[in-house]
Amino acid sequence: MRAEINEGTGLQYITVVPDEYTPDSTYPLVIMLHGFGANMQDLAGLAPAINDTGYVYACPNAPIPFQLGPGQTGFGWMTPRGGGTPDETANSVKLLTDFFDTVFQQFNVSPGQALLLGFSQGGGMTYRCGLGRAEYFAGLVALSATLPDEEELTPLLPQERDQLIFIGHGSFDQMVSDDTAQS
Protein backbone atom coordinates (compact mmCIF):
# COMPACT_ATOMS: atom_id res chain seq x y z
CA MET A 1 0.00 0.00 0.00
CA ARG A 2 1.09 3.58 -0.62
CA ALA A 3 0.54 6.46 1.78
CA GLU A 4 0.66 10.14 0.92
CA ILE A 5 0.16 13.32 2.94
CA ASN A 6 -2.31 15.74 1.37
CA GLU A 7 -3.06 19.38 2.10
CA GLY A 8 -6.84 19.71 1.95
CA THR A 9 -9.13 22.69 2.13
CA GLY A 10 -8.74 23.14 5.87
CA LEU A 11 -7.55 19.72 7.05
CA GLN A 12 -4.28 17.98 6.33
CA TYR A 13 -4.80 14.27 5.70
CA ILE A 14 -3.14 10.99 4.77
CA THR A 15 -4.44 8.83 1.97
CA VAL A 16 -3.58 5.14 1.76
CA VAL A 17 -4.20 3.35 -1.54
CA PRO A 18 -3.52 -0.16 -2.84
CA ASP A 19 -0.20 -0.68 -4.63
CA GLU A 20 -2.07 -1.28 -7.90
CA TYR A 21 -4.31 1.79 -7.45
CA THR A 22 -5.15 3.66 -10.64
CA PRO A 23 -7.29 6.81 -10.72
CA ASP A 24 -9.37 5.29 -13.55
CA SER A 25 -10.65 2.52 -11.26
CA THR A 26 -13.25 3.01 -8.57
CA TYR A 27 -12.80 1.92 -4.99
CA PRO A 28 -14.96 2.23 -1.90
CA LEU A 29 -13.64 4.80 0.56
CA VAL A 30 -12.95 4.33 4.28
CA ILE A 31 -12.52 7.55 6.25
CA MET A 32 -10.94 7.11 9.70
CA LEU A 33 -11.13 9.83 12.37
CA HIS A 34 -8.59 9.67 15.21
CA GLY A 35 -9.25 10.37 18.86
CA PHE A 36 -8.10 13.24 21.06
CA GLY A 37 -4.34 13.63 21.33
CA ALA A 38 -3.54 11.50 18.29
CA ASN A 39 -3.00 12.58 14.70
CA MET A 40 -3.80 11.53 11.14
CA GLN A 41 -1.14 8.81 11.25
CA ASP A 42 -2.77 7.04 14.20
CA LEU A 43 -5.36 5.01 12.29
CA ALA A 44 -3.71 4.99 8.84
CA GLY A 45 -1.71 1.93 9.88
CA LEU A 46 -4.94 -0.06 10.13
CA ALA A 47 -5.55 0.13 6.37
CA PRO A 48 -3.51 -2.96 5.42
CA ALA A 49 -5.16 -4.98 8.20
CA ILE A 50 -8.65 -4.01 7.00
CA ASN A 51 -8.11 -4.71 3.31
CA ASP A 52 -4.95 -3.92 1.35
CA THR A 53 -6.36 -4.22 -2.17
CA GLY A 54 -10.02 -3.27 -2.33
CA TYR A 55 -10.33 0.13 -0.66
CA VAL A 56 -8.87 3.60 -0.48
CA TYR A 57 -8.45 5.22 2.93
CA ALA A 58 -8.36 8.82 4.10
CA CYS A 59 -7.33 9.91 7.61
CA PRO A 60 -7.60 13.63 8.41
CA ASN A 61 -5.80 15.52 11.15
CA ALA A 62 -8.21 17.09 13.63
CA PRO A 63 -7.98 20.89 13.45
CA ILE A 64 -7.11 21.80 17.05
CA PRO A 65 -3.50 21.28 18.22
CA PHE A 66 -2.84 20.52 21.88
CA GLN A 67 0.47 20.35 23.71
CA LEU A 68 0.63 16.92 25.32
CA GLY A 69 4.04 17.38 26.87
CA PRO A 70 7.46 18.78 26.02
CA GLY A 71 7.81 18.55 22.25
CA GLN A 72 4.63 16.51 21.87
CA THR A 73 1.65 17.84 19.96
CA GLY A 74 -1.60 15.98 19.52
CA PHE A 75 -4.79 17.04 17.83
CA GLY A 76 -8.44 17.09 18.77
CA TRP A 77 -11.81 17.73 17.16
CA MET A 78 -12.78 19.81 20.20
CA THR A 79 -11.46 20.68 23.64
CA PRO A 80 -11.99 17.55 25.75
CA ARG A 81 -14.19 16.97 28.79
CA GLY A 82 -16.75 19.65 28.01
CA GLY A 83 -14.15 22.41 27.71
CA GLY A 84 -15.07 23.25 24.13
CA THR A 85 -17.68 25.57 22.74
CA PRO A 86 -20.53 24.89 20.31
CA ASP A 87 -18.68 27.04 17.75
CA GLU A 88 -15.58 24.86 18.11
CA THR A 89 -17.61 21.71 17.43
CA ALA A 90 -19.50 23.36 14.56
CA ASN A 91 -16.18 24.41 13.00
CA SER A 92 -14.87 20.83 13.16
CA VAL A 93 -18.11 19.55 11.59
CA LYS A 94 -17.80 22.13 8.79
CA LEU A 95 -14.15 21.26 8.16
CA LEU A 96 -15.01 17.55 8.01
CA THR A 97 -17.93 18.17 5.66
CA ASP A 98 -15.62 20.05 3.30
CA PHE A 99 -13.04 17.27 3.69
CA PHE A 100 -15.62 14.65 2.71
CA ASP A 101 -16.38 16.58 -0.48
CA THR A 102 -12.65 16.82 -1.23
CA VAL A 103 -11.86 13.11 -0.84
CA PHE A 104 -15.05 11.93 -2.54
CA GLN A 105 -14.03 14.03 -5.54
CA GLN A 106 -10.32 13.11 -5.30
CA PHE A 107 -11.12 9.39 -5.53
CA ASN A 108 -14.29 9.65 -7.64
CA VAL A 109 -16.33 7.93 -4.93
CA SER A 110 -20.05 7.63 -5.50
CA PRO A 111 -22.37 8.47 -2.61
CA GLY A 112 -23.13 5.36 -0.60
CA GLN A 113 -19.72 3.82 -1.37
CA ALA A 114 -18.01 5.02 1.80
CA LEU A 115 -17.63 4.03 5.43
CA LEU A 116 -16.96 6.53 8.22
CA LEU A 117 -15.03 5.17 11.21
CA GLY A 118 -14.03 7.07 14.32
CA PHE A 119 -12.22 6.29 17.55
CA SER A 120 -13.08 8.07 20.81
CA GLN A 121 -13.46 11.78 19.98
CA GLY A 122 -13.38 10.78 16.30
CA GLY A 123 -16.28 8.43 17.04
CA GLY A 124 -18.29 11.36 18.38
CA MET A 125 -17.54 13.20 15.14
CA THR A 126 -18.62 10.09 13.23
CA TYR A 127 -22.06 10.39 14.83
CA ARG A 128 -22.22 14.15 14.24
CA CYS A 129 -21.11 13.99 10.62
CA GLY A 130 -22.30 10.56 9.49
CA LEU A 131 -25.82 10.10 10.82
CA GLY A 132 -27.21 12.97 8.77
CA ARG A 133 -25.36 11.83 5.64
CA ALA A 134 -26.71 8.32 5.14
CA GLU A 135 -26.66 8.94 1.39
CA TYR A 136 -22.87 9.36 1.58
CA PHE A 137 -21.96 6.73 4.15
CA ALA A 138 -23.27 3.19 3.80
CA GLY A 139 -22.02 2.50 7.31
CA LEU A 140 -20.65 4.09 10.44
CA VAL A 141 -18.24 2.64 12.98
CA ALA A 142 -17.91 4.32 16.39
CA LEU A 143 -15.29 2.86 18.72
CA SER A 144 -14.95 3.98 22.36
CA ALA A 145 -17.11 7.02 21.66
CA THR A 146 -19.94 8.90 23.29
CA LEU A 147 -23.11 9.99 21.54
CA PRO A 148 -23.76 13.71 21.18
CA ASP A 149 -26.51 15.15 23.37
CA GLU A 150 -30.03 14.21 22.30
CA GLU A 151 -30.82 17.83 21.33
CA GLU A 152 -27.82 17.81 18.98
CA LEU A 153 -28.41 14.29 17.69
CA THR A 154 -32.15 14.24 16.93
CA PRO A 155 -32.10 16.80 14.08
CA LEU A 156 -29.36 14.77 12.35
CA LEU A 157 -31.49 11.65 12.02
CA PRO A 158 -33.41 11.22 8.78
CA GLN A 159 -36.89 9.70 9.00
CA GLU A 160 -35.85 6.64 7.02
CA ARG A 161 -32.43 5.16 6.41
CA ASP A 162 -30.78 1.80 5.99
CA GLN A 163 -27.34 2.91 7.13
CA LEU A 164 -25.43 0.22 9.03
CA ILE A 165 -23.92 1.26 12.36
CA PHE A 166 -21.38 -0.64 14.44
CA ILE A 167 -20.67 0.55 17.98
CA GLY A 168 -17.84 -1.01 19.99
CA HIS A 169 -16.54 -0.14 23.43
CA GLY A 170 -14.12 -1.91 25.74
CA SER A 171 -14.97 -2.39 29.39
CA PHE A 172 -11.47 -1.28 30.47
CA ASP A 173 -11.44 2.07 28.62
CA GLN A 174 -9.82 4.57 31.01
CA MET A 175 -10.77 7.69 29.03
CA VAL A 176 -14.46 7.06 28.28
CA SER A 177 -16.10 4.57 30.61
CA ASP A 178 -18.62 2.18 29.11
CA ASP A 179 -21.25 3.68 31.46
CA THR A 180 -20.59 7.13 29.97
CA ALA A 181 -20.71 5.73 26.44
CA GLN A 182 -24.05 4.02 27.11
CA SER A 183 -25.71 7.10 28.62
C-alpha atoms as a PDB file:
ATOM      1  CA  MET A   1       0.000   0.000   0.000  1.00  0.00           C
ATOM      2  CA  ARG A   2       1.094   3.577  -0.625  1.00  0.00           C
ATOM      3  CA  ALA A   3       0.541   6.457   1.777  1.00  0.00           C
ATOM      4  CA  GLU A   4       0.655  10.135   0.920  1.00  0.00           C
ATOM      5  CA  ILE A   5       0.164  13.315   2.944  1.00  0.00           C
ATOM      6  CA  ASN A   6      -2.313  15.745   1.366  1.00  0.00           C
ATOM      7  CA  GLU A   7      -3.063  19.384   2.104  1.00  0.00           C
ATOM      8  CA  GLY A   8      -6.836  19.709   1.946  1.00  0.00           C
ATOM      9  CA  THR A   9      -9.131  22.690   2.129  1.00  0.00           C
ATOM     10  CA  GLY A  10      -8.738  23.141   5.867  1.00  0.00           C
ATOM     11  CA  LEU A  11      -7.548  19.720   7.047  1.00  0.00           C
ATOM     12  CA  GLN A  12      -4.277  17.984   6.332  1.00  0.00           C
ATOM     13  CA  TYR A  13      -4.796  14.274   5.696  1.00  0.00           C
ATOM     14  CA  ILE A  14      -3.145  10.991   4.771  1.00  0.00           C
ATOM     15  CA  THR A  15      -4.438   8.832   1.971  1.00  0.00           C
ATOM     16  CA  VAL A  16      -3.583   5.144   1.757  1.00  0.00           C
ATOM     17  CA  VAL A  17      -4.202   3.348  -1.537  1.00  0.00           C
ATOM     18  CA  PRO A  18      -3.522  -0.161  -2.842  1.00  0.00           C
ATOM     19  CA  ASP A  19      -0.202  -0.675  -4.634  1.00  0.00           C
ATOM     20  CA  GLU A  20      -2.066  -1.282  -7.902  1.00  0.00           C
ATOM     21  CA  TYR A  21      -4.307   1.786  -7.455  1.00  0.00           C
ATOM     22  CA  THR A  22      -5.155   3.664 -10.638  1.00  0.00           C
ATOM     23  CA  PRO A  23      -7.295   6.808 -10.722  1.00  0.00           C
ATOM     24  CA  ASP A  24      -9.366   5.288 -13.546  1.00  0.00           C
ATOM     25  CA  SER A  25     -10.649   2.521 -11.264  1.00  0.00           C
ATOM     26  CA  THR A  26     -13.252   3.009  -8.573  1.00  0.00           C
ATOM     27  CA  TYR A  27     -12.798   1.920  -4.989  1.00  0.00           C
ATOM     28  CA  PRO A  28     -14.955   2.230  -1.901  1.00  0.00           C
ATOM     29  CA  LEU A  29     -13.637   4.799   0.558  1.00  0.00           C
ATOM     30  CA  VAL A  30     -12.951   4.328   4.276  1.00  0.00           C
ATOM     31  CA  ILE A  31     -12.519   7.553   6.250  1.00  0.00           C
ATOM     32  CA  MET A  32     -10.938   7.114   9.695  1.00  0.00           C
ATOM     33  CA  LEU A  33     -11.131   9.834  12.366  1.00  0.00           C
ATOM     34  CA  HIS A  34      -8.594   9.667  15.208  1.00  0.00           C
ATOM     35  CA  GLY A  35      -9.251  10.370  18.862  1.00  0.00           C
ATOM     36  CA  PHE A  36      -8.098  13.237  21.064  1.00  0.00           C
ATOM     37  CA  GLY A  37      -4.338  13.633  21.333  1.00  0.00           C
ATOM     38  CA  ALA A  38      -3.545  11.501  18.293  1.00  0.00           C
ATOM     39  CA  ASN A  39      -3.000  12.584  14.698  1.00  0.00           C
ATOM     40  CA  MET A  40      -3.797  11.533  11.141  1.00  0.00           C
ATOM     41  CA  GLN A  41      -1.143   8.809  11.251  1.00  0.00           C
ATOM     42  CA  ASP A  42      -2.766   7.045  14.204  1.00  0.00           C
ATOM     43  CA  LEU A  43      -5.359   5.011  12.286  1.00  0.00           C
ATOM     44  CA  ALA A  44      -3.709   4.987   8.844  1.00  0.00           C
ATOM     45  CA  GLY A  45      -1.707   1.933   9.878  1.00  0.00           C
ATOM     46  CA  LEU A  46      -4.944  -0.057  10.127  1.00  0.00           C
ATOM     47  CA  ALA A  47      -5.549   0.134   6.369  1.00  0.00           C
ATOM     48  CA  PRO A  48      -3.510  -2.964   5.421  1.00  0.00           C
ATOM     49  CA  ALA A  49      -5.160  -4.976   8.202  1.00  0.00           C
ATOM     50  CA  ILE A  50      -8.648  -4.015   7.005  1.00  0.00           C
ATOM     51  CA  ASN A  51      -8.106  -4.707   3.312  1.00  0.00           C
ATOM     52  CA  ASP A  52      -4.950  -3.924   1.345  1.00  0.00           C
ATOM     53  CA  THR A  53      -6.359  -4.221  -2.172  1.00  0.00           C
ATOM     54  CA  GLY A  54     -10.019  -3.274  -2.335  1.00  0.00           C
ATOM     55  CA  TYR A  55     -10.332   0.128  -0.663  1.00  0.00           C
ATOM     56  CA  VAL A  56      -8.867   3.601  -0.476  1.00  0.00           C
ATOM     57  CA  TYR A  57      -8.454   5.224   2.933  1.00  0.00           C
ATOM     58  CA  ALA A  58      -8.355   8.825   4.103  1.00  0.00           C
ATOM     59  CA  CYS A  59      -7.328   9.915   7.605  1.00  0.00           C
ATOM     60  CA  PRO A  60      -7.596  13.632   8.410  1.00  0.00           C
ATOM     61  CA  ASN A  61      -5.797  15.517  11.154  1.00  0.00           C
ATOM     62  CA  ALA A  62      -8.209  17.087  13.629  1.00  0.00           C
ATOM     63  CA  PRO A  63      -7.983  20.890  13.451  1.00  0.00           C
ATOM     64  CA  ILE A  64      -7.109  21.803  17.045  1.00  0.00           C
ATOM     65  CA  PRO A  65      -3.497  21.282  18.216  1.00  0.00           C
ATOM     66  CA  PHE A  66      -2.844  20.518  21.881  1.00  0.00           C
ATOM     67  CA  GLN A  67       0.467  20.353  23.713  1.00  0.00           C
ATOM     68  CA  LEU A  68       0.626  16.921  25.324  1.00  0.00           C
ATOM     69  CA  GLY A  69       4.044  17.378  26.875  1.00  0.00           C
ATOM     70  CA  PRO A  70       7.464  18.780  26.024  1.00  0.00           C
ATOM     71  CA  GLY A  71       7.811  18.553  22.252  1.00  0.00           C
ATOM     72  CA  GLN A  72       4.630  16.507  21.865  1.00  0.00           C
ATOM     73  CA  THR A  73       1.649  17.839  19.960  1.00  0.00           C
ATOM     74  CA  GLY A  74      -1.598  15.980  19.521  1.00  0.00           C
ATOM     75  CA  PHE A  75      -4.792  17.044  17.831  1.00  0.00           C
ATOM     76  CA  GLY A  76      -8.444  17.090  18.768  1.00  0.00           C
ATOM     77  CA  TRP A  77     -11.805  17.725  17.157  1.00  0.00           C
ATOM     78  CA  MET A  78     -12.785  19.814  20.201  1.00  0.00           C
ATOM     79  CA  THR A  79     -11.463  20.681  23.638  1.00  0.00           C
ATOM     80  CA  PRO A  80     -11.994  17.554  25.755  1.00  0.00           C
ATOM     81  CA  ARG A  81     -14.191  16.970  28.794  1.00  0.00           C
ATOM     82  CA  GLY A  82     -16.746  19.651  28.006  1.00  0.00           C
ATOM     83  CA  GLY A  83     -14.148  22.407  27.706  1.00  0.00           C
ATOM     84  CA  GLY A  84     -15.067  23.254  24.126  1.00  0.00           C
ATOM     85  CA  THR A  85     -17.678  25.574  22.737  1.00  0.00           C
ATOM     86  CA  PRO A  86     -20.530  24.894  20.309  1.00  0.00           C
ATOM     87  CA  ASP A  87     -18.680  27.039  17.754  1.00  0.00           C
ATOM     88  CA  GLU A  88     -15.580  24.856  18.108  1.00  0.00           C
ATOM     89  CA  THR A  89     -17.613  21.707  17.435  1.00  0.00           C
ATOM     90  CA  ALA A  90     -19.499  23.357  14.563  1.00  0.00           C
ATOM     91  CA  ASN A  91     -16.182  24.405  13.002  1.00  0.00           C
ATOM     92  CA  SER A  92     -14.870  20.830  13.160  1.00  0.00           C
ATOM     93  CA  VAL A  93     -18.107  19.546  11.589  1.00  0.00           C
ATOM     94  CA  LYS A  94     -17.800  22.129   8.788  1.00  0.00           C
ATOM     95  CA  LEU A  95     -14.148  21.261   8.162  1.00  0.00           C
ATOM     96  CA  LEU A  96     -15.009  17.550   8.007  1.00  0.00           C
ATOM     97  CA  THR A  97     -17.933  18.168   5.664  1.00  0.00           C
ATOM     98  CA  ASP A  98     -15.622  20.054   3.299  1.00  0.00           C
ATOM     99  CA  PHE A  99     -13.039  17.273   3.695  1.00  0.00           C
ATOM    100  CA  PHE A 100     -15.625  14.650   2.712  1.00  0.00           C
ATOM    101  CA  ASP A 101     -16.383  16.582  -0.476  1.00  0.00           C
ATOM    102  CA  THR A 102     -12.653  16.818  -1.226  1.00  0.00           C
ATOM    103  CA  VAL A 103     -11.857  13.111  -0.842  1.00  0.00           C
ATOM    104  CA  PHE A 104     -15.055  11.930  -2.537  1.00  0.00           C
ATOM    105  CA  GLN A 105     -14.028  14.027  -5.542  1.00  0.00           C
ATOM    106  CA  GLN A 106     -10.322  13.107  -5.297  1.00  0.00           C
ATOM    107  CA  PHE A 107     -11.117   9.386  -5.533  1.00  0.00           C
ATOM    108  CA  ASN A 108     -14.286   9.648  -7.637  1.00  0.00           C
ATOM    109  CA  VAL A 109     -16.331   7.926  -4.925  1.00  0.00           C
ATOM    110  CA  SER A 110     -20.051   7.628  -5.501  1.00  0.00           C
ATOM    111  CA  PRO A 111     -22.374   8.475  -2.613  1.00  0.00           C
ATOM    112  CA  GLY A 112     -23.126   5.363  -0.603  1.00  0.00           C
ATOM    113  CA  GLN A 113     -19.721   3.822  -1.365  1.00  0.00           C
ATOM    114  CA  ALA A 114     -18.010   5.018   1.799  1.00  0.00           C
ATOM    115  CA  LEU A 115     -17.631   4.030   5.426  1.00  0.00           C
ATOM    116  CA  LEU A 116     -16.959   6.527   8.217  1.00  0.00           C
ATOM    117  CA  LEU A 117     -15.025   5.172  11.207  1.00  0.00           C
ATOM    118  CA  GLY A 118     -14.032   7.072  14.325  1.00  0.00           C
ATOM    119  CA  PHE A 119     -12.220   6.289  17.545  1.00  0.00           C
ATOM    120  CA  SER A 120     -13.080   8.073  20.815  1.00  0.00           C
ATOM    121  CA  GLN A 121     -13.464  11.779  19.979  1.00  0.00           C
ATOM    122  CA  GLY A 122     -13.376  10.780  16.302  1.00  0.00           C
ATOM    123  CA  GLY A 123     -16.282   8.433  17.044  1.00  0.00           C
ATOM    124  CA  GLY A 124     -18.293  11.356  18.379  1.00  0.00           C
ATOM    125  CA  MET A 125     -17.544  13.199  15.144  1.00  0.00           C
ATOM    126  CA  THR A 126     -18.622  10.088  13.233  1.00  0.00           C
ATOM    127  CA  TYR A 127     -22.062  10.392  14.833  1.00  0.00           C
ATOM    128  CA  ARG A 128     -22.221  14.150  14.241  1.00  0.00           C
ATOM    129  CA  CYS A 129     -21.107  13.988  10.616  1.00  0.00           C
ATOM    130  CA  GLY A 130     -22.299  10.564   9.490  1.00  0.00           C
ATOM    131  CA  LEU A 131     -25.821  10.101  10.818  1.00  0.00           C
ATOM    132  CA  GLY A 132     -27.206  12.967   8.767  1.00  0.00           C
ATOM    133  CA  ARG A 133     -25.358  11.832   5.636  1.00  0.00           C
ATOM    134  CA  ALA A 134     -26.713   8.318   5.140  1.00  0.00           C
ATOM    135  CA  GLU A 135     -26.662   8.935   1.393  1.00  0.00           C
ATOM    136  CA  TYR A 136     -22.865   9.364   1.576  1.00  0.00           C
ATOM    137  CA  PHE A 137     -21.962   6.726   4.147  1.00  0.00           C
ATOM    138  CA  ALA A 138     -23.274   3.187   3.804  1.00  0.00           C
ATOM    139  CA  GLY A 139     -22.018   2.505   7.307  1.00  0.00           C
ATOM    140  CA  LEU A 140     -20.648   4.093  10.436  1.00  0.00           C
ATOM    141  CA  VAL A 141     -18.235   2.641  12.983  1.00  0.00           C
ATOM    142  CA  ALA A 142     -17.908   4.323  16.391  1.00  0.00           C
ATOM    143  CA  LEU A 143     -15.288   2.859  18.723  1.00  0.00           C
ATOM    144  CA  SER A 144     -14.952   3.976  22.358  1.00  0.00           C
ATOM    145  CA  ALA A 145     -17.108   7.017  21.661  1.00  0.00           C
ATOM    146  CA  THR A 146     -19.944   8.901  23.292  1.00  0.00           C
ATOM    147  CA  LEU A 147     -23.109   9.994  21.544  1.00  0.00           C
ATOM    148  CA  PRO A 148     -23.760  13.707  21.180  1.00  0.00           C
ATOM    149  CA  ASP A 149     -26.515  15.148  23.372  1.00  0.00           C
ATOM    150  CA  GLU A 150     -30.033  14.210  22.301  1.00  0.00           C
ATOM    151  CA  GLU A 151     -30.817  17.828  21.329  1.00  0.00           C
ATOM    152  CA  GLU A 152     -27.823  17.814  18.982  1.00  0.00           C
ATOM    153  CA  LEU A 153     -28.408  14.289  17.693  1.00  0.00           C
ATOM    154  CA  THR A 154     -32.151  14.245  16.930  1.00  0.00           C
ATOM    155  CA  PRO A 155     -32.100  16.798  14.082  1.00  0.00           C
ATOM    156  CA  LEU A 156     -29.362  14.772  12.352  1.00  0.00           C
ATOM    157  CA  LEU A 157     -31.490  11.652  12.024  1.00  0.00           C
ATOM    158  CA  PRO A 158     -33.415  11.221   8.781  1.00  0.00           C
ATOM    159  CA  GLN A 159     -36.892   9.698   9.002  1.00  0.00           C
ATOM    160  CA  GLU A 160     -35.850   6.641   7.024  1.00  0.00           C
ATOM    161  CA  ARG A 161     -32.429   5.158   6.406  1.00  0.00           C
ATOM    162  CA  ASP A 162     -30.777   1.803   5.987  1.00  0.00           C
ATOM    163  CA  GLN A 163     -27.341   2.907   7.127  1.00  0.00           C
ATOM    164  CA  LEU A 164     -25.427   0.223   9.025  1.00  0.00           C
ATOM    165  CA  ILE A 165     -23.923   1.259  12.364  1.00  0.00           C
ATOM    166  CA  PHE A 166     -21.377  -0.645  14.443  1.00  0.00           C
ATOM    167  CA  ILE A 167     -20.668   0.548  17.977  1.00  0.00           C
ATOM    168  CA  GLY A 168     -17.844  -1.007  19.987  1.00  0.00           C
ATOM    169  CA  HIS A 169     -16.542  -0.138  23.427  1.00  0.00           C
ATOM    170  CA  GLY A 170     -14.123  -1.908  25.741  1.00  0.00           C
ATOM    171  CA  SER A 171     -14.966  -2.388  29.389  1.00  0.00           C
ATOM    172  CA  PHE A 172     -11.470  -1.280  30.468  1.00  0.00           C
ATOM    173  CA  ASP A 173     -11.438   2.075  28.622  1.00  0.00           C
ATOM    174  CA  GLN A 174      -9.816   4.573  31.010  1.00  0.00           C
ATOM    175  CA  MET A 175     -10.769   7.690  29.025  1.00  0.00           C
ATOM    176  CA  VAL A 176     -14.464   7.060  28.283  1.00  0.00           C
ATOM    177  CA  SER A 177     -16.102   4.566  30.611  1.00  0.00           C
ATOM    178  CA  ASP A 178     -18.619   2.177  29.115  1.00  0.00           C
ATOM    179  CA  ASP A 179     -21.252   3.682  31.464  1.00  0.00           C
ATOM    180  CA  THR A 180     -20.587   7.126  29.969  1.00  0.00           C
ATOM    181  CA  ALA A 181     -20.709   5.727  26.443  1.00  0.00           C
ATOM    182  CA  GLN A 182     -24.052   4.022  27.111  1.00  0.00           C
ATOM    183  CA  SER A 183     -25.709   7.097  28.623  1.00  0.00           C
END
